[in-house]
PDB file of N, CA and C in Angstrom:
ATOM      1  N   ALA A   1     109.971  93.270 117.555  1.00  0.00           N
ATOM      2  CA  ALA A   1     110.791  94.027 118.489  1.00  0.00           C
ATOM      3  C   ALA A   1     110.576  93.487 119.894  1.00  0.00           C
ATOM      4  N   CYS A   2     111.504  93.773 120.740  1.00  0.00           N
ATOM      5  CA  CYS A   2     111.423  93.321 122.133  1.00  0.00           C
ATOM      6  C   CYS A   2     110.355  94.127 122.872  1.00  0.00           C
ATOM      7  N   PRO A   3     109.547  93.501 123.715  1.00  0.00           N
ATOM      8  CA  PRO A   3     108.595  94.261 124.522  1.00  0.00           C
ATOM      9  C   PRO A   3     109.342  95.266 125.399  1.00  0.00           C
ATOM     10  N   GLY A   4     109.028  96.531 125.284  1.00  0.00           N
ATOM     11  CA  GLY A   4     109.677  97.542 126.111  1.00  0.00           C
ATOM     12  C   GLY A   4     111.077  97.908 125.654  1.00  0.00           C
ATOM     13  N   GLY A   5     111.528  97.377 124.551  1.00  0.00           N
ATOM     14  CA  GLY A   5     112.878  97.684 124.071  1.00  0.00           C
ATOM     15  C   GLY A   5     113.818  96.515 124.247  1.00  0.00           C
ATOM     16  N   CYS A   6     114.993  96.639 123.679  1.00  0.00           N
ATOM     17  CA  CYS A   6     115.973  95.548 123.737  1.00  0.00           C
ATOM     18  C   CYS A   6     116.636  95.453 125.100  1.00  0.00           C
ATOM     19  N   LEU A   7     116.933  94.241 125.482  1.00  0.00           N
ATOM     20  CA  LEU A   7     117.683  94.005 126.711  1.00  0.00           C
ATOM     21  C   LEU A   7     119.167  93.867 126.447  1.00  0.00           C
ATOM     22  N   GLY A   8     119.530  93.340 125.315  1.00  0.00           N
ATOM     23  CA  GLY A   8     120.938  93.087 125.066  1.00  0.00           C
ATOM     24  C   GLY A   8     121.418  93.595 123.728  1.00  0.00           C
ATOM     25  N   GLY A   9     120.710  94.538 123.139  1.00  0.00           N
ATOM     26  CA  GLY A   9     121.111  95.048 121.839  1.00  0.00           C
ATOM     27  C   GLY A   9     122.264  96.022 121.942  1.00  0.00           C
ATOM     28  N   GLY A  10     122.691  96.515 120.796  1.00  0.00           N
ATOM     29  CA  GLY A  10     123.780  97.476 120.766  1.00  0.00           C
ATOM     30  C   GLY A  10     123.466  98.697 121.615  1.00  0.00           C
ATOM     31  N   GLY A  11     124.447  99.198 122.307  1.00  0.00           N
ATOM     32  CA  GLY A  11     124.261 100.361 123.162  1.00  0.00           C
ATOM     33  C   GLY A  11     123.771 100.029 124.554  1.00  0.00           C
ATOM     34  N   GLN A  12     123.489  98.767 124.805  1.00  0.00           N
ATOM     35  CA  GLN A  12     123.036  98.350 126.126  1.00  0.00           C
ATOM     36  C   GLN A  12     124.236  97.953 126.982  1.00  0.00           C
ATOM     37  N   PRO A  13     124.084  97.983 128.299  1.00  0.00           N
ATOM     38  CA  PRO A  13     125.190  97.572 129.167  1.00  0.00           C
ATOM     39  C   PRO A  13     125.600  96.126 128.899  1.00  0.00           C
ATOM     40  N   ILE A  14     126.875  95.849 129.054  1.00  0.00           N
ATOM     41  CA  ILE A  14     127.370  94.480 128.950  1.00  0.00           C
ATOM     42  C   ILE A  14     127.352  93.913 130.364  1.00  0.00           C
ATOM     43  N   TYR A  15     126.649  92.812 130.536  1.00  0.00           N
ATOM     44  CA  TYR A  15     126.436  92.257 131.866  1.00  0.00           C
ATOM     45  C   TYR A  15     127.579  91.336 132.268  1.00  0.00           C
ATOM     46  N   SER A  16     127.883  91.373 133.553  1.00  0.00           N
ATOM     47  CA  SER A  16     128.971  90.539 134.051  1.00  0.00           C
ATOM     48  C   SER A  16     128.534  89.098 134.272  1.00  0.00           C
ATOM     49  N   THR A  17     127.272  88.890 134.600  1.00  0.00           N
ATOM     50  CA  THR A  17     126.785  87.528 134.846  1.00  0.00           C
ATOM     51  C   THR A  17     125.370  87.383 134.297  1.00  0.00           C
ATOM     52  N   LYS A  18     124.948  86.139 134.142  1.00  0.00           N
ATOM     53  CA  LYS A  18     123.581  85.874 133.686  1.00  0.00           C
ATOM     54  C   LYS A  18     122.575  86.364 134.726  1.00  0.00           C
ATOM     55  N   ALA A  19     122.926  86.266 136.006  1.00  0.00           N
ATOM     56  CA  ALA A  19     122.025  86.718 137.071  1.00  0.00           C
ATOM     57  C   ALA A  19     121.756  88.220 136.965  1.00  0.00           C
ATOM     58  N   VAL A  20     122.784  89.000 136.633  1.00  0.00           N
ATOM     59  CA  VAL A  20     122.619  90.447 136.487  1.00  0.00           C
ATOM     60  C   VAL A  20     121.702  90.742 135.300  1.00  0.00           C
ATOM     61  N   LYS A  21     121.903  90.034 134.190  1.00  0.00           N
ATOM     62  CA  LYS A  21     121.059  90.222 133.009  1.00  0.00           C
ATOM     63  C   LYS A  21     119.613  89.851 133.325  1.00  0.00           C
ATOM     64  N   THR A  22     119.420  88.757 134.034  1.00  0.00           N
ATOM     65  CA  THR A  22     118.072  88.316 134.398  1.00  0.00           C
ATOM     66  C   THR A  22     117.386  89.349 135.284  1.00  0.00           C
ATOM     67  N   LYS A  23     118.110  89.901 136.245  1.00  0.00           N
ATOM     68  CA  LYS A  23     117.547  90.905 137.153  1.00  0.00           C
ATOM     69  C   LYS A  23     117.150  92.167 136.377  1.00  0.00           C
ATOM     70  N   ARG A  24     118.007  92.582 135.437  1.00  0.00           N
ATOM     71  CA  ARG A  24     117.683  93.762 134.621  1.00  0.00           C
ATOM     72  C   ARG A  24     116.454  93.487 133.763  1.00  0.00           C
ATOM     73  N   MET A  25     116.378  92.294 133.190  1.00  0.00           N
ATOM     74  CA  MET A  25     115.235  91.921 132.366  1.00  0.00           C
ATOM     75  C   MET A  25     113.943  91.995 133.183  1.00  0.00           C
ATOM     76  N   GLU A  26     113.953  91.419 134.363  1.00  0.00           N
ATOM     77  CA  GLU A  26     112.763  91.442 135.220  1.00  0.00           C
ATOM     78  C   GLU A  26     112.364  92.876 135.557  1.00  0.00           C
ATOM     79  N   SER A  27     113.345  93.705 135.873  1.00  0.00           N
ATOM     80  CA  SER A  27     113.060  95.100 136.219  1.00  0.00           C
ATOM     81  C   SER A  27     112.438  95.851 135.050  1.00  0.00           C
ATOM     82  N   LEU A  28     112.999  95.662 133.852  1.00  0.00           N
ATOM     83  CA  LEU A  28     112.459  96.362 132.683  1.00  0.00           C
ATOM     84  C   LEU A  28     111.046  95.909 132.345  1.00  0.00           C
ATOM     85  N   TYR A  29     110.782  94.622 132.449  1.00  0.00           N
ATOM     86  CA  TYR A  29     109.426  94.131 132.178  1.00  0.00           C
ATOM     87  C   TYR A  29     108.435  94.657 133.214  1.00  0.00           C
ATOM     88  N   ASN A  30     108.850  94.746 134.473  1.00  0.00           N
ATOM     89  CA  ASN A  30     107.965  95.281 135.515  1.00  0.00           C
ATOM     90  C   ASN A  30     107.673  96.759 135.282  1.00  0.00           C
ATOM     91  N   ILE A  31     108.695  97.515 134.922  1.00  0.00           N
ATOM     92  CA  ILE A  31     108.502  98.937 134.625  1.00  0.00           C
ATOM     93  C   ILE A  31     107.565  99.098 133.433  1.00  0.00           C
ATOM     94  N   ASP A  32     107.801  98.324 132.387  1.00  0.00           N
ATOM     95  CA  ASP A  32     106.994  98.407 131.167  1.00  0.00           C
ATOM     96  C   ASP A  32     105.527  98.078 131.437  1.00  0.00           C
ATOM     97  N   ALA A  33     105.280  97.099 132.279  1.00  0.00           N
ATOM     98  CA  ALA A  33     103.904  96.673 132.560  1.00  0.00           C
ATOM     99  C   ALA A  33     103.079  97.790 133.192  1.00  0.00           C
ATOM    100  N   ASP A  34     103.738  98.725 133.886  1.00  0.00           N
ATOM    101  CA  ASP A  34     103.037  99.807 134.572  1.00  0.00           C
ATOM    102  C   ASP A  34     102.903 101.087 133.743  1.00  0.00           C
ATOM    103  N   LEU A  35     103.471 101.109 132.558  1.00  0.00           N
ATOM    104  CA  LEU A  35     103.425 102.328 131.747  1.00  0.00           C
ATOM    105  C   LEU A  35     102.064 102.497 131.071  1.00  0.00           C
ATOM    106  N   PRO A  36     101.553 103.730 131.020  1.00  0.00           N
ATOM    107  CA  PRO A  36     100.254 103.951 130.375  1.00  0.00           C
ATOM    108  C   PRO A  36     100.317 103.817 128.849  1.00  0.00           C
ATOM    109  N   LEU A  37     101.442 104.165 128.244  1.00  0.00           N
ATOM    110  CA  LEU A  37     101.618 104.043 126.794  1.00  0.00           C
ATOM    111  C   LEU A  37     102.689 102.993 126.539  1.00  0.00           C
ATOM    112  N   ARG A  38     102.269 101.810 126.123  1.00  0.00           N
ATOM    113  CA  ARG A  38     103.216 100.715 125.936  1.00  0.00           C
ATOM    114  C   ARG A  38     103.442 100.369 124.474  1.00  0.00           C
ATOM    115  N   LYS A  39     102.565 100.822 123.602  1.00  0.00           N
ATOM    116  CA  LYS A  39     102.644 100.438 122.192  1.00  0.00           C
ATOM    117  C   LYS A  39     102.632 101.694 121.329  1.00  0.00           C
ATOM    118  N   SER A  40     103.643 101.831 120.486  1.00  0.00           N
ATOM    119  CA  SER A  40     103.775 103.063 119.703  1.00  0.00           C
ATOM    120  C   SER A  40     102.574 103.311 118.793  1.00  0.00           C
ATOM    121  N   HIS A  41     101.977 102.259 118.256  1.00  0.00           N
ATOM    122  CA  HIS A  41     100.839 102.465 117.348  1.00  0.00           C
ATOM    123  C   HIS A  41      99.573 102.918 118.082  1.00  0.00           C
ATOM    124  N   LYS A  42      99.604 102.929 119.416  1.00  0.00           N
ATOM    125  CA  LYS A  42      98.467 103.433 120.196  1.00  0.00           C
ATOM    126  C   LYS A  42      98.826 104.730 120.924  1.00  0.00           C
ATOM    127  N   ASN A  43      99.948 105.324 120.572  1.00  0.00           N
ATOM    128  CA  ASN A  43     100.417 106.538 121.226  1.00  0.00           C
ATOM    129  C   ASN A  43      99.929 107.755 120.433  1.00  0.00           C
ATOM    130  N   PRO A  44      99.130 108.625 121.042  1.00  0.00           N
ATOM    131  CA  PRO A  44      98.610 109.783 120.311  1.00  0.00           C
ATOM    132  C   PRO A  44      99.713 110.742 119.854  1.00  0.00           C
ATOM    133  N   HIS A  45     100.832 110.786 120.558  1.00  0.00           N
ATOM    134  CA  HIS A  45     101.944 111.652 120.157  1.00  0.00           C
ATOM    135  C   HIS A  45     102.589 111.146 118.863  1.00  0.00           C
ATOM    136  N   VAL A  46     102.707 109.832 118.733  1.00  0.00           N
ATOM    137  CA  VAL A  46     103.246 109.246 117.503  1.00  0.00           C
ATOM    138  C   VAL A  46     102.266 109.479 116.355  1.00  0.00           C
ATOM    139  N   ASP A  47     100.984 109.294 116.621  1.00  0.00           N
ATOM    140  CA  ASP A  47      99.966 109.569 115.593  1.00  0.00           C
ATOM    141  C   ASP A  47     100.069 111.014 115.106  1.00  0.00           C
ATOM    142  N   ASN A  48     100.230 111.940 116.041  1.00  0.00           N
ATOM    143  CA  ASN A  48     100.336 113.355 115.696  1.00  0.00           C
ATOM    144  C   ASN A  48     101.614 113.635 114.889  1.00  0.00           C
ATOM    145  N   LEU A  49     102.710 113.011 115.254  1.00  0.00           N
ATOM    146  CA  LEU A  49     103.966 113.179 114.522  1.00  0.00           C
ATOM    147  C   LEU A  49     103.806 112.768 113.060  1.00  0.00           C
ATOM    148  N   TYR A  50     103.163 111.628 112.844  1.00  0.00           N
ATOM    149  CA  TYR A  50     102.938 111.184 111.466  1.00  0.00           C
ATOM    150  C   TYR A  50     101.957 112.101 110.737  1.00  0.00           C
ATOM    151  N   ALA A  51     100.897 112.500 111.403  1.00  0.00           N
ATOM    152  CA  ALA A  51      99.882 113.334 110.754  1.00  0.00           C
ATOM    153  C   ALA A  51     100.435 114.696 110.340  1.00  0.00           C
ATOM    154  N   GLU A  52     101.290 115.275 111.180  1.00  0.00           N
ATOM    155  CA  GLU A  52     101.739 116.642 110.924  1.00  0.00           C
ATOM    156  C   GLU A  52     103.128 116.762 110.308  1.00  0.00           C
ATOM    157  N   TYR A  53     103.953 115.714 110.405  1.00  0.00           N
ATOM    158  CA  TYR A  53     105.322 115.879 109.927  1.00  0.00           C
ATOM    159  C   TYR A  53     105.803 114.753 109.015  1.00  0.00           C
ATOM    160  N   LEU A  54     105.660 113.531 109.465  1.00  0.00           N
ATOM    161  CA  LEU A  54     106.202 112.410 108.693  1.00  0.00           C
ATOM    162  C   LEU A  54     105.279 111.971 107.561  1.00  0.00           C
ATOM    163  N   ILE A  55     104.036 112.372 107.620  1.00  0.00           N
ATOM    164  CA  ILE A  55     103.003 112.149 106.603  1.00  0.00           C
ATOM    165  C   ILE A  55     102.486 110.715 106.580  1.00  0.00           C
ATOM    166  N   GLU A  56     103.358 109.715 106.412  1.00  0.00           N
ATOM    167  CA  GLU A  56     102.865 108.334 106.336  1.00  0.00           C
ATOM    168  C   GLU A  56     103.901 107.349 106.877  1.00  0.00           C
ATOM    169  N   PRO A  57     103.423 106.271 107.504  1.00  0.00           N
ATOM    170  CA  PRO A  57     104.350 105.215 107.920  1.00  0.00           C
ATOM    171  C   PRO A  57     105.029 104.616 106.690  1.00  0.00           C
ATOM    172  N   LEU A  58     106.274 104.306 106.819  1.00  0.00           N
ATOM    173  CA  LEU A  58     107.082 103.713 105.748  1.00  0.00           C
ATOM    174  C   LEU A  58     107.282 104.657 104.565  1.00  0.00           C
ATOM    175  N   GLY A  59     106.961 105.930 104.754  1.00  0.00           N
ATOM    176  CA  GLY A  59     107.187 106.918 103.702  1.00  0.00           C
ATOM    177  C   GLY A  59     108.648 107.347 103.663  1.00  0.00           C
ATOM    178  N   HIS A  60     108.986 108.183 102.693  1.00  0.00           N
ATOM    179  CA  HIS A  60     110.370 108.611 102.504  1.00  0.00           C
ATOM    180  C   HIS A  60     110.913 109.337 103.732  1.00  0.00           C
ATOM    181  N   LYS A  61     110.162 110.308 104.241  1.00  0.00           N
ATOM    182  CA  LYS A  61     110.657 111.104 105.362  1.00  0.00           C
ATOM    183  C   LYS A  61     110.816 110.257 106.622  1.00  0.00           C
ATOM    184  N   SER A  62     109.852 109.396 106.910  1.00  0.00           N
ATOM    185  CA  SER A  62     109.975 108.556 108.107  1.00  0.00           C
ATOM    186  C   SER A  62     111.142 107.584 107.965  1.00  0.00           C
ATOM    187  N   HIS A  63     111.340 107.057 106.769  1.00  0.00           N
ATOM    188  CA  HIS A  63     112.467 106.143 106.554  1.00  0.00           C
ATOM    189  C   HIS A  63     113.798 106.876 106.739  1.00  0.00           C
ATOM    190  N   GLU A  64     113.890 108.056 106.165  1.00  0.00           N
ATOM    191  CA  GLU A  64     115.130 108.831 106.238  1.00  0.00           C
ATOM    192  C   GLU A  64     115.480 109.212 107.681  1.00  0.00           C
ATOM    193  N   LEU A  65     114.481 109.569 108.476  1.00  0.00           N
ATOM    194  CA  LEU A  65     114.737 110.075 109.822  1.00  0.00           C
ATOM    195  C   LEU A  65     114.719 109.018 110.922  1.00  0.00           C
ATOM    196  N   LEU A  66     113.970 107.939 110.734  1.00  0.00           N
ATOM    197  CA  LEU A  66     113.772 106.993 111.826  1.00  0.00           C
ATOM    198  C   LEU A  66     114.492 105.663 111.666  1.00  0.00           C
ATOM    199  N   HIS A  67     114.845 105.301 110.464  1.00  0.00           N
ATOM    200  CA  HIS A  67     115.446 103.987 110.248  1.00  0.00           C
ATOM    201  C   HIS A  67     116.959 104.051 110.406  1.00  0.00           C
ATOM    202  N   THR A  68     117.502 102.978 110.926  1.00  0.00           N
ATOM    203  CA  THR A  68     118.949 102.871 111.069  1.00  0.00           C
ATOM    204  C   THR A  68     119.459 101.814 110.104  1.00  0.00           C
ATOM    205  N   HIS A  69     120.740 101.767 109.958  1.00  0.00           N
ATOM    206  CA  HIS A  69     121.358 100.810 109.048  1.00  0.00           C
ATOM    207  C   HIS A  69     122.425 100.030 109.795  1.00  0.00           C
ATOM    208  N   TYR A  70     122.519  98.765 109.486  1.00  0.00           N
ATOM    209  CA  TYR A  70     123.509  97.907 110.119  1.00  0.00           C
ATOM    210  C   TYR A  70     124.896  98.224 109.585  1.00  0.00           C
ATOM    211  N   TYR A  71     125.845  98.249 110.480  1.00  0.00           N
ATOM    212  CA  TYR A  71     127.242  98.258 110.074  1.00  0.00           C
ATOM    213  C   TYR A  71     128.005  97.438 111.100  1.00  0.00           C
ATOM    214  N   SER A  72     129.006  96.756 110.643  1.00  0.00           N
ATOM    215  CA  SER A  72     129.763  95.856 111.497  1.00  0.00           C
ATOM    216  C   SER A  72     130.486  96.636 112.584  1.00  0.00           C
ATOM    217  N   LYS A  73     130.449  96.103 113.771  1.00  0.00           N
ATOM    218  CA  LYS A  73     131.131  96.734 114.890  1.00  0.00           C
ATOM    219  C   LYS A  73     132.319  95.886 115.351  1.00  0.00           C
ATOM    220  N   ASN A  74     132.764  95.002 114.483  1.00  0.00           N
ATOM    221  CA  ASN A  74     133.933  94.196 114.831  1.00  0.00           C
ATOM    222  C   ASN A  74     135.125  95.116 115.022  1.00  0.00           C
ATOM    223  N   LYS A  75     135.807  94.932 116.122  1.00  0.00           N
ATOM    224  CA  LYS A  75     136.950  95.780 116.425  1.00  0.00           C
ATOM    225  C   LYS A  75     138.223  94.955 116.338  1.00  0.00           C
ATOM    226  N   GLN A  76     139.228  95.555 115.787  1.00  0.00           N
ATOM    227  CA  GLN A  76     140.541  94.935 115.733  1.00  0.00           C
ATOM    228  C   GLN A  76     141.423  95.692 116.716  1.00  0.00           C
ATOM    229  N   TYR A  77     141.925  94.991 117.691  1.00  0.00           N
ATOM    230  CA  TYR A  77     142.773  95.615 118.694  1.00  0.00           C
ATOM    231  C   TYR A  77     144.231  95.320 118.401  1.00  0.00           C
ATOM    232  N   ASP A  78     145.071  96.296 118.640  1.00  0.00           N
ATOM    233  CA  ASP A  78     146.508  96.135 118.465  1.00  0.00           C
ATOM    234  C   ASP A  78     147.145  96.179 119.848  1.00  0.00           C
ATOM    235  N   PHE A  79     147.536  95.016 120.337  1.00  0.00           N
ATOM    236  CA  PHE A  79     148.127  94.928 121.665  1.00  0.00           C
ATOM    237  C   PHE A  79     149.654  94.928 121.621  1.00  0.00           C
ATOM    238  N   SER A  80     150.235  95.135 120.448  1.00  0.00           N
ATOM    239  CA  SER A  80     151.689  95.061 120.324  1.00  0.00           C
ATOM    240  C   SER A  80     152.389  96.103 121.186  1.00  0.00           C
ATOM    241  N   GLU A  81     151.766  97.254 121.384  1.00  0.00           N
ATOM    242  CA  GLU A  81     152.403  98.296 122.189  1.00  0.00           C
ATOM    243  C   GLU A  81     152.443  97.940 123.671  1.00  0.00           C
ATOM    244  N   LEU A  82     151.689  96.943 124.092  1.00  0.00           N
ATOM    245  CA  LEU A  82     151.680  96.533 125.499  1.00  0.00           C
ATOM    246  C   LEU A  82     152.814  95.574 125.840  1.00  0.00           C
ATOM    247  N   GLU A  83     153.465  95.052 124.825  1.00  0.00           N
ATOM    248  CA  GLU A  83     154.527  94.070 125.070  1.00  0.00           C
ATOM    249  C   GLU A  83     155.789  94.709 125.572  1.00  0.00           C
TER     250      GLU A  83
END
């Protein structure tokens, strides 16, 4: 996974220029470097969630609630009405 999360994954802003993307990347890395909890496996809240609710990593409940599935986001546009 990306340190601190994805920079250009789905749901992220679409950048107008490479310079804008680079600036956002630098900002996110700087913010991440200052956070007290940077790694989920060292987060006591995540540990507690698994201990009390999800039971085990990669278990049925954690898979059902936390995992996502890929689906194509290809869009077909119909511009005929603009003519």
